[in-house]
Amino acid sequence: MSPPELPPPLRHYSGGQIALIVIGIILMLPGACSLVFMAQMAGEVRWSDAISQMIITLWAICFAVSAIGVVLIVVARRRARIAP
């Protein structure tokens, strides 16, 4: 028999870390919305159309903002103190 696994240690978050996580979640929303619209417009996007190029650029900006949100969440989770 293998020894029982210990539960992961509890983490304590400061107010600033909680704020980083909340802001990170808010920053991830544009990327989620752009994924939904991207799926709906998948057949309509043409690379030669100027409007489509602007929409694709807007999607890229939304994904960059979402990436910043992911980074904020990762930084906040890494800096959390482990409970004794």
PDB file of N, CA and C in Angstrom:
ATOM      1  N   MET A   1       0.816  -1.175   0.000  1.00  0.00           N
ATOM      2  CA  MET A   1       0.000   0.000   0.000  1.00  0.00           C
ATOM      3  C   MET A   1       0.869   1.250   0.000  1.00  0.00           C
ATOM      4  N   SER A   2       0.406   2.238  -0.729  1.00  0.00           N
ATOM      5  CA  SER A   2       1.146   3.500  -0.736  1.00  0.00           C
ATOM      6  C   SER A   2       0.639   4.379   0.397  1.00  0.00           C
ATOM      7  N   PRO A   3       1.511   5.250   0.898  1.00  0.00           N
ATOM      8  CA  PRO A   3       1.088   6.130   2.001  1.00  0.00           C
ATOM      9  C   PRO A   3       0.009   7.096   1.502  1.00  0.00           C
ATOM     10  N   PRO A   4      -0.901   7.509   2.375  1.00  0.00           N
ATOM     11  CA  PRO A   4      -1.956   8.440   1.950  1.00  0.00           C
ATOM     12  C   PRO A   4      -1.350   9.791   1.563  1.00  0.00           C
ATOM     13  N   GLU A   5      -1.918  10.371   0.526  1.00  0.00           N
ATOM     14  CA  GLU A   5      -1.427  11.676   0.068  1.00  0.00           C
ATOM     15  C   GLU A   5      -1.931  12.769   0.996  1.00  0.00           C
ATOM     16  N   LEU A   6      -1.051  13.696   1.280  1.00  0.00           N
ATOM     17  CA  LEU A   6      -1.429  14.835   2.116  1.00  0.00           C
ATOM     18  C   LEU A   6      -2.178  15.845   1.266  1.00  0.00           C
ATOM     19  N   PRO A   7      -3.150  16.537   1.847  1.00  0.00           N
ATOM     20  CA  PRO A   7      -3.843  17.574   1.076  1.00  0.00           C
ATOM     21  C   PRO A   7      -2.883  18.728   0.791  1.00  0.00           C
ATOM     22  N   PRO A   8      -3.126  19.453  -0.282  1.00  0.00           N
ATOM     23  CA  PRO A   8      -2.231  20.591  -0.571  1.00  0.00           C
ATOM     24  C   PRO A   8      -2.301  21.620   0.545  1.00  0.00           C
ATOM     25  N   PRO A   9      -1.197  22.299   0.804  1.00  0.00           N
ATOM     26  CA  PRO A   9      -1.189  23.278   1.901  1.00  0.00           C
ATOM     27  C   PRO A   9      -2.120  24.449   1.598  1.00  0.00           C
ATOM     28  N   LEU A  10      -2.711  24.995   2.649  1.00  0.00           N
ATOM     29  CA  LEU A  10      -3.575  26.154   2.490  1.00  0.00           C
ATOM     30  C   LEU A  10      -2.723  27.387   2.227  1.00  0.00           C
ATOM     31  N   ARG A  11      -3.253  28.265   1.407  1.00  0.00           N
ATOM     32  CA  ARG A  11      -2.541  29.504   1.092  1.00  0.00           C
ATOM     33  C   ARG A  11      -3.298  30.682   1.693  1.00  0.00           C
ATOM     34  N   HIS A  12      -2.539  31.642   2.170  1.00  0.00           N
ATOM     35  CA  HIS A  12      -3.126  32.872   2.695  1.00  0.00           C
ATOM     36  C   HIS A  12      -2.819  33.996   1.722  1.00  0.00           C
ATOM     37  N   TYR A  13      -3.872  34.674   1.274  1.00  0.00           N
ATOM     38  CA  TYR A  13      -3.715  35.774   0.332  1.00  0.00           C
ATOM     39  C   TYR A  13      -3.898  37.102   1.050  1.00  0.00           C
ATOM     40  N   SER A  14      -3.055  38.050   0.706  1.00  0.00           N
ATOM     41  CA  SER A  14      -3.213  39.398   1.255  1.00  0.00           C
ATOM     42  C   SER A  14      -4.272  40.134   0.430  1.00  0.00           C
ATOM     43  N   GLY A  15      -4.629  41.311   0.889  1.00  0.00           N
ATOM     44  CA  GLY A  15      -5.620  42.105   0.164  1.00  0.00           C
ATOM     45  C   GLY A  15      -5.153  42.480  -1.237  1.00  0.00           C
ATOM     46  N   GLY A  16      -3.865  42.779  -1.359  1.00  0.00           N
ATOM     47  CA  GLY A  16      -3.321  43.115  -2.671  1.00  0.00           C
ATOM     48  C   GLY A  16      -3.346  41.938  -3.626  1.00  0.00           C
ATOM     49  N   GLN A  17      -3.085  40.753  -3.113  1.00  0.00           N
ATOM     50  CA  GLN A  17      -3.117  39.559  -3.970  1.00  0.00           C
ATOM     51  C   GLN A  17      -4.537  39.237  -4.407  1.00  0.00           C
ATOM     52  N   ILE A  18      -5.494  39.428  -3.506  1.00  0.00           N
ATOM     53  CA  ILE A  18      -6.891  39.219  -3.891  1.00  0.00           C
ATOM     54  C   ILE A  18      -7.295  40.222  -4.950  1.00  0.00           C
ATOM     55  N   ALA A  19      -6.839  41.467  -4.808  1.00  0.00           N
ATOM     56  CA  ALA A  19      -7.133  42.488  -5.815  1.00  0.00           C
ATOM     57  C   ALA A  19      -6.510  42.112  -7.160  1.00  0.00           C
ATOM     58  N   LEU A  20      -5.278  41.592  -7.141  1.00  0.00           N
ATOM     59  CA  LEU A  20      -4.651  41.161  -8.388  1.00  0.00           C
ATOM     60  C   LEU A  20      -5.442  40.050  -9.062  1.00  0.00           C
ATOM     61  N   ILE A  21      -5.939  39.110  -8.284  1.00  0.00           N
ATOM     62  CA  ILE A  21      -6.717  38.015  -8.855  1.00  0.00           C
ATOM     63  C   ILE A  21      -8.025  38.528  -9.449  1.00  0.00           C
ATOM     64  N   VAL A  22      -8.703  39.419  -8.748  1.00  0.00           N
ATOM     65  CA  VAL A  22      -9.966  39.968  -9.252  1.00  0.00           C
ATOM     66  C   VAL A  22      -9.726  40.779 -10.525  1.00  0.00           C
ATOM     67  N   ILE A  23      -8.694  41.617 -10.521  1.00  0.00           N
ATOM     68  CA  ILE A  23      -8.374  42.410 -11.715  1.00  0.00           C
ATOM     69  C   ILE A  23      -7.981  41.484 -12.867  1.00  0.00           C
ATOM     70  N   GLY A  24      -7.245  40.415 -12.564  1.00  0.00           N
ATOM     71  CA  GLY A  24      -6.865  39.454 -13.595  1.00  0.00           C
ATOM     72  C   GLY A  24      -8.067  38.778 -14.216  1.00  0.00           C
ATOM     73  N   ILE A  25      -9.054  38.431 -13.389  1.00  0.00           N
ATOM     74  CA  ILE A  25     -10.276  37.817 -13.915  1.00  0.00           C
ATOM     75  C   ILE A  25     -11.028  38.803 -14.789  1.00  0.00           C
ATOM     76  N   ILE A  26     -11.093  40.057 -14.362  1.00  0.00           N
ATOM     77  CA  ILE A  26     -11.771  41.081 -15.168  1.00  0.00           C
ATOM     78  C   ILE A  26     -11.048  41.271 -16.500  1.00  0.00           C
ATOM     79  N   LEU A  27      -9.715  41.245 -16.482  1.00  0.00           N
ATOM     80  CA  LEU A  27      -8.959  41.426 -17.716  1.00  0.00           C
ATOM     81  C   LEU A  27      -9.080  40.216 -18.656  1.00  0.00           C
ATOM     82  N   MET A  28      -9.470  39.074 -18.129  1.00  0.00           N
ATOM     83  CA  MET A  28      -9.644  37.900 -18.988  1.00  0.00           C
ATOM     84  C   MET A  28     -10.979  37.914 -19.743  1.00  0.00           C
ATOM     85  N   LEU A  29     -11.913  38.741 -19.330  1.00  0.00           N
ATOM     86  CA  LEU A  29     -13.231  38.780 -19.960  1.00  0.00           C
ATOM     87  C   LEU A  29     -13.204  39.194 -21.441  1.00  0.00           C
ATOM     88  N   PRO A  30     -12.405  40.193 -21.857  1.00  0.00           N
ATOM     89  CA  PRO A  30     -12.388  40.523 -23.290  1.00  0.00           C
ATOM     90  C   PRO A  30     -11.927  39.356 -24.167  1.00  0.00           C
ATOM     91  N   GLY A  31     -10.986  38.582 -23.683  1.00  0.00           N
ATOM     92  CA  GLY A  31     -10.529  37.421 -24.451  1.00  0.00           C
ATOM     93  C   GLY A  31     -11.607  36.369 -24.572  1.00  0.00           C
ATOM     94  N   ALA A  32     -12.368  36.164 -23.497  1.00  0.00           N
ATOM     95  CA  ALA A  32     -13.461  35.192 -23.546  1.00  0.00           C
ATOM     96  C   ALA A  32     -14.550  35.658 -24.513  1.00  0.00           C
ATOM     97  N   CYS A  33     -14.873  36.931 -24.475  1.00  0.00           N
ATOM     98  CA  CYS A  33     -15.877  37.460 -25.402  1.00  0.00           C
ATOM     99  C   CYS A  33     -15.395  37.365 -26.845  1.00  0.00           C
ATOM    100  N   SER A  34     -14.126  37.671 -27.080  1.00  0.00           N
ATOM    101  CA  SER A  34     -13.623  37.594 -28.453  1.00  0.00           C
ATOM    102  C   SER A  34     -13.597  36.158 -28.961  1.00  0.00           C
ATOM    103  N   LEU A  35     -13.376  35.182 -28.068  1.00  0.00           N
ATOM    104  CA  LEU A  35     -13.459  33.781 -28.485  1.00  0.00           C
ATOM    105  C   LEU A  35     -14.869  33.423 -28.936  1.00  0.00           C
ATOM    106  N   VAL A  36     -15.872  33.921 -28.209  1.00  0.00           N
ATOM    107  CA  VAL A  36     -17.258  33.641 -28.578  1.00  0.00           C
ATOM    108  C   VAL A  36     -17.576  34.255 -29.935  1.00  0.00           C
ATOM    109  N   PHE A  37     -17.214  35.514 -30.131  1.00  0.00           N
ATOM    110  CA  PHE A  37     -17.491  36.168 -31.405  1.00  0.00           C
ATOM    111  C   PHE A  37     -16.669  35.560 -32.539  1.00  0.00           C
ATOM    112  N   MET A  38     -15.463  35.123 -32.223  1.00  0.00           N
ATOM    113  CA  MET A  38     -14.621  34.495 -33.235  1.00  0.00           C
ATOM    114  C   MET A  38     -15.262  33.192 -33.714  1.00  0.00           C
ATOM    115  N   ALA A  39     -15.825  32.423 -32.798  1.00  0.00           N
ATOM    116  CA  ALA A  39     -16.481  31.175 -33.180  1.00  0.00           C
ATOM    117  C   ALA A  39     -17.717  31.439 -34.028  1.00  0.00           C
ATOM    118  N   GLN A  40     -18.436  32.511 -33.719  1.00  0.00           N
ATOM    119  CA  GLN A  40     -19.633  32.836 -34.481  1.00  0.00           C
ATOM    120  C   GLN A  40     -19.307  33.361 -35.872  1.00  0.00           C
ATOM    121  N   MET A  41     -18.188  34.047 -36.021  1.00  0.00           N
ATOM    122  CA  MET A  41     -17.834  34.657 -37.305  1.00  0.00           C
ATOM    123  C   MET A  41     -16.814  33.833 -38.092  1.00  0.00           C
ATOM    124  N   ALA A  42     -16.593  32.605 -37.716  1.00  0.00           N
ATOM    125  CA  ALA A  42     -15.530  31.804 -38.319  1.00  0.00           C
ATOM    126  C   ALA A  42     -15.657  31.706 -39.841  1.00  0.00           C
ATOM    127  N   GLY A  43     -16.852  31.550 -40.351  1.00  0.00           N
ATOM    128  CA  GLY A  43     -17.025  31.408 -41.795  1.00  0.00           C
ATOM    129  C   GLY A  43     -17.078  32.726 -42.542  1.00  0.00           C
ATOM    130  N   GLU A  44     -17.243  33.830 -41.855  1.00  0.00           N
ATOM    131  CA  GLU A  44     -17.431  35.129 -42.503  1.00  0.00           C
ATOM    132  C   GLU A  44     -16.151  35.949 -42.648  1.00  0.00           C
ATOM    133  N   VAL A  45     -15.080  35.579 -41.981  1.00  0.00           N
ATOM    134  CA  VAL A  45     -13.860  36.381 -41.987  1.00  0.00           C
ATOM    135  C   VAL A  45     -13.076  36.124 -43.276  1.00  0.00           C
ATOM    136  N   ARG A  46     -12.757  37.234 -43.966  1.00  0.00           N
ATOM    137  CA  ARG A  46     -11.944  37.151 -45.181  1.00  0.00           C
ATOM    138  C   ARG A  46     -10.717  38.034 -44.980  1.00  0.00           C
ATOM    139  N   TRP A  47      -9.545  37.492 -45.275  1.00  0.00           N
ATOM    140  CA  TRP A  47      -8.303  38.213 -45.022  1.00  0.00           C
ATOM    141  C   TRP A  47      -8.153  39.449 -45.901  1.00  0.00           C
ATOM    142  N   SER A  48      -8.807  39.469 -47.053  1.00  0.00           N
ATOM    143  CA  SER A  48      -8.629  40.603 -47.975  1.00  0.00           C
ATOM    144  C   SER A  48      -9.525  41.787 -47.614  1.00  0.00           C
ATOM    145  N   ASP A  49     -10.530  41.576 -46.806  1.00  0.00           N
ATOM    146  CA  ASP A  49     -11.460  42.634 -46.433  1.00  0.00           C
ATOM    147  C   ASP A  49     -10.850  43.501 -45.323  1.00  0.00           C
ATOM    148  N   ALA A  50     -10.945  44.817 -45.482  1.00  0.00           N
ATOM    149  CA  ALA A  50     -10.357  45.743 -44.507  1.00  0.00           C
ATOM    150  C   ALA A  50     -11.075  45.670 -43.157  1.00  0.00           C
ATOM    151  N   ILE A  51     -12.388  45.511 -43.176  1.00  0.00           N
ATOM    152  CA  ILE A  51     -13.141  45.406 -41.928  1.00  0.00           C
ATOM    153  C   ILE A  51     -12.736  44.145 -41.174  1.00  0.00           C
ATOM    154  N   SER A  52     -12.589  43.045 -41.888  1.00  0.00           N
ATOM    155  CA  SER A  52     -12.171  41.795 -41.249  1.00  0.00           C
ATOM    156  C   SER A  52     -10.786  41.924 -40.645  1.00  0.00           C
ATOM    157  N   GLN A  53      -9.895  42.634 -41.311  1.00  0.00           N
ATOM    158  CA  GLN A  53      -8.553  42.830 -40.765  1.00  0.00           C
ATOM    159  C   GLN A  53      -8.603  43.637 -39.471  1.00  0.00           C
ATOM    160  N   MET A  54      -9.490  44.630 -39.415  1.00  0.00           N
ATOM    161  CA  MET A  54      -9.624  45.404 -38.182  1.00  0.00           C
ATOM    162  C   MET A  54     -10.209  44.549 -37.053  1.00  0.00           C
ATOM    163  N   ILE A  55     -11.171  43.689 -37.390  1.00  0.00           N
ATOM    164  CA  ILE A  55     -11.755  42.807 -36.377  1.00  0.00           C
ATOM    165  C   ILE A  55     -10.703  41.837 -35.851  1.00  0.00           C
ATOM    166  N   ILE A  56      -9.884  41.288 -36.739  1.00  0.00           N
ATOM    167  CA  ILE A  56      -8.824  40.370 -36.315  1.00  0.00           C
ATOM    168  C   ILE A  56      -7.809  41.097 -35.437  1.00  0.00           C
ATOM    169  N   THR A  57      -7.493  42.343 -35.764  1.00  0.00           N
ATOM    170  CA  THR A  57      -6.595  43.135 -34.928  1.00  0.00           C
ATOM    171  C   THR A  57      -7.207  43.380 -33.551  1.00  0.00           C
ATOM    172  N   LEU A  58      -8.505  43.666 -33.515  1.00  0.00           N
ATOM    173  CA  LEU A  58      -9.189  43.856 -32.237  1.00  0.00           C
ATOM    174  C   LEU A  58      -9.160  42.571 -31.421  1.00  0.00           C
ATOM    175  N   TRP A  59      -9.343  41.417 -32.057  1.00  0.00           N
ATOM    176  CA  TRP A  59      -9.251  40.136 -31.353  1.00  0.00           C
ATOM    177  C   TRP A  59      -7.862  39.944 -30.764  1.00  0.00           C
ATOM    178  N   ALA A  60      -6.842  40.292 -31.531  1.00  0.00           N
ATOM    179  CA  ALA A  60      -5.464  40.139 -31.034  1.00  0.00           C
ATOM    180  C   ALA A  60      -5.226  41.028 -29.816  1.00  0.00           C
ATOM    181  N   ILE A  61      -5.767  42.240 -29.846  1.00  0.00           N
ATOM    182  CA  ILE A  61      -5.630  43.138 -28.696  1.00  0.00           C
ATOM    183  C   ILE A  61      -6.352  42.558 -27.480  1.00  0.00           C
ATOM    184  N   CYS A  62      -7.541  42.002 -27.697  1.00  0.00           N
ATOM    185  CA  CYS A  62      -8.300  41.388 -26.595  1.00  0.00           C
ATOM    186  C   CYS A  62      -7.539  40.205 -26.002  1.00  0.00           C
ATOM    187  N   PHE A  63      -6.904  39.397 -26.857  1.00  0.00           N
ATOM    188  CA  PHE A  63      -6.126  38.266 -26.349  1.00  0.00           C
ATOM    189  C   PHE A  63      -4.898  38.747 -25.580  1.00  0.00           C
ATOM    190  N   ALA A  64      -4.291  39.857 -26.004  1.00  0.00           N
ATOM    191  CA  ALA A  64      -3.141  40.400 -25.272  1.00  0.00           C
ATOM    192  C   ALA A  64      -3.574  40.893 -23.887  1.00  0.00           C
ATOM    193  N   VAL A  65      -4.734  41.550 -23.816  1.00  0.00           N
ATOM    194  CA  VAL A  65      -5.245  42.003 -22.519  1.00  0.00           C
ATOM    195  C   VAL A  65      -5.536  40.804 -21.632  1.00  0.00           C
ATOM    196  N   SER A  66      -6.091  39.739 -22.193  1.00  0.00           N
ATOM    197  CA  SER A  66      -6.366  38.529 -21.423  1.00  0.00           C
ATOM    198  C   SER A  66      -5.084  37.877 -20.931  1.00  0.00           C
ATOM    199  N   ALA A  67      -4.038  37.926 -21.744  1.00  0.00           N
ATOM    200  CA  ALA A  67      -2.755  37.363 -21.329  1.00  0.00           C
ATOM    201  C   ALA A  67      -2.202  38.131 -20.128  1.00  0.00           C
ATOM    202  N   ILE A  68      -2.395  39.440 -20.111  1.00  0.00           N
ATOM    203  CA  ILE A  68      -1.971  40.233 -18.950  1.00  0.00           C
ATOM    204  C   ILE A  68      -2.754  39.810 -17.713  1.00  0.00           C
ATOM    205  N   GLY A  69      -4.054  39.533 -17.887  1.00  0.00           N
ATOM    206  CA  GLY A  69      -4.858  39.053 -16.770  1.00  0.00           C
ATOM    207  C   GLY A  69      -4.368  37.721 -16.232  1.00  0.00           C
ATOM    208  N   VAL A  70      -3.986  36.812 -17.121  1.00  0.00           N
ATOM    209  CA  VAL A  70      -3.454  35.515 -16.698  1.00  0.00           C
ATOM    210  C   VAL A  70      -2.154  35.710 -15.928  1.00  0.00           C
ATOM    211  N   VAL A  71      -1.301  36.610 -16.398  1.00  0.00           N
ATOM    212  CA  VAL A  71      -0.029  36.875 -15.715  1.00  0.00           C
ATOM    213  C   VAL A  71      -0.288  37.426 -14.305  1.00  0.00           C
ATOM    214  N   LEU A  72      -1.260  38.319 -14.169  1.00  0.00           N
ATOM    215  CA  LEU A  72      -1.573  38.861 -12.846  1.00  0.00           C
ATOM    216  C   LEU A  72      -2.032  37.762 -11.888  1.00  0.00           C
ATOM    217  N   ILE A  73      -2.857  36.856 -12.372  1.00  0.00           N
ATOM    218  CA  ILE A  73      -3.336  35.765 -11.524  1.00  0.00           C
ATOM    219  C   ILE A  73      -2.191  34.849 -11.122  1.00  0.00           C
ATOM    220  N   VAL A  74      -1.321  34.524 -12.067  1.00  0.00           N
ATOM    221  CA  VAL A  74      -0.185  33.640 -11.762  1.00  0.00           C
ATOM    222  C   VAL A  74       0.746  34.290 -10.744  1.00  0.00           C
ATOM    223  N   VAL A  75       1.019  35.578 -10.909  1.00  0.00           N
ATOM    224  CA  VAL A  75       1.904  36.284  -9.971  1.00  0.00           C
ATOM    225  C   VAL A  75       1.287  36.308  -8.577  1.00  0.00           C
ATOM    226  N   ALA A  76      -0.012  36.571  -8.495  1.00  0.00           N
ATOM    227  CA  ALA A  76      -0.668  36.620  -7.183  1.00  0.00           C
ATOM    228  C   ALA A  76      -0.652  35.250  -6.513  1.00  0.00           C
ATOM    229  N   ARG A  77      -0.866  34.197  -7.261  1.00  0.00           N
ATOM    230  CA  ARG A  77      -0.873  32.855  -6.664  1.00  0.00           C
ATOM    231  C   ARG A  77       0.519  32.415  -6.232  1.00  0.00           C
ATOM    232  N   ARG A  78       1.546  32.795  -6.973  1.00  0.00           N
ATOM    233  CA  ARG A  78       2.913  32.401  -6.598  1.00  0.00           C
ATOM    234  C   ARG A  78       3.391  33.110  -5.343  1.00  0.00           C
ATOM    235  N   ARG A  79       2.901  34.314  -5.111  1.00  0.00           N
ATOM    236  CA  ARG A  79       3.363  35.082  -3.949  1.00  0.00           C
ATOM    237  C   ARG A  79       2.549  34.831  -2.695  1.00  0.00           C
ATOM    238  N   ALA A  80       1.551  33.972  -2.787  1.00  0.00           N
ATOM    239  CA  ALA A  80       0.721  33.685  -1.623  1.00  0.00           C
ATOM    240  C   ALA A  80       1.542  32.921  -0.576  1.00  0.00           C
ATOM    241  N   ARG A  81       1.290  33.247   0.685  1.00  0.00           N
ATOM    242  CA  ARG A  81       1.993  32.576   1.775  1.00  0.00           C
ATOM    243  C   ARG A  81       1.315  31.254   2.066  1.00  0.00           C
ATOM    244  N   ILE A  82       2.125  30.242   2.343  1.00  0.00           N
ATOM    245  CA  ILE A  82       1.597  28.941   2.706  1.00  0.00           C
ATOM    246  C   ILE A  82       1.378  28.934   4.212  1.00  0.00           C
ATOM    247  N   ALA A  83       0.201  28.459   4.603  1.00  0.00           N
ATOM    248  CA  ALA A  83      -0.165  28.444   6.028  1.00  0.00           C
ATOM    249  C   ALA A  83       0.714  27.469   6.778  1.00  0.00           C
ATOM    250  N   PRO A  84       1.107  27.836   8.003  1.00  0.00           N
ATOM    251  CA  PRO A  84       1.944  26.928   8.791  1.00  0.00           C
ATOM    252  C   PRO A  84       1.170  25.733   9.315  1.00  0.00           C
TER     253      PRO A  84
END
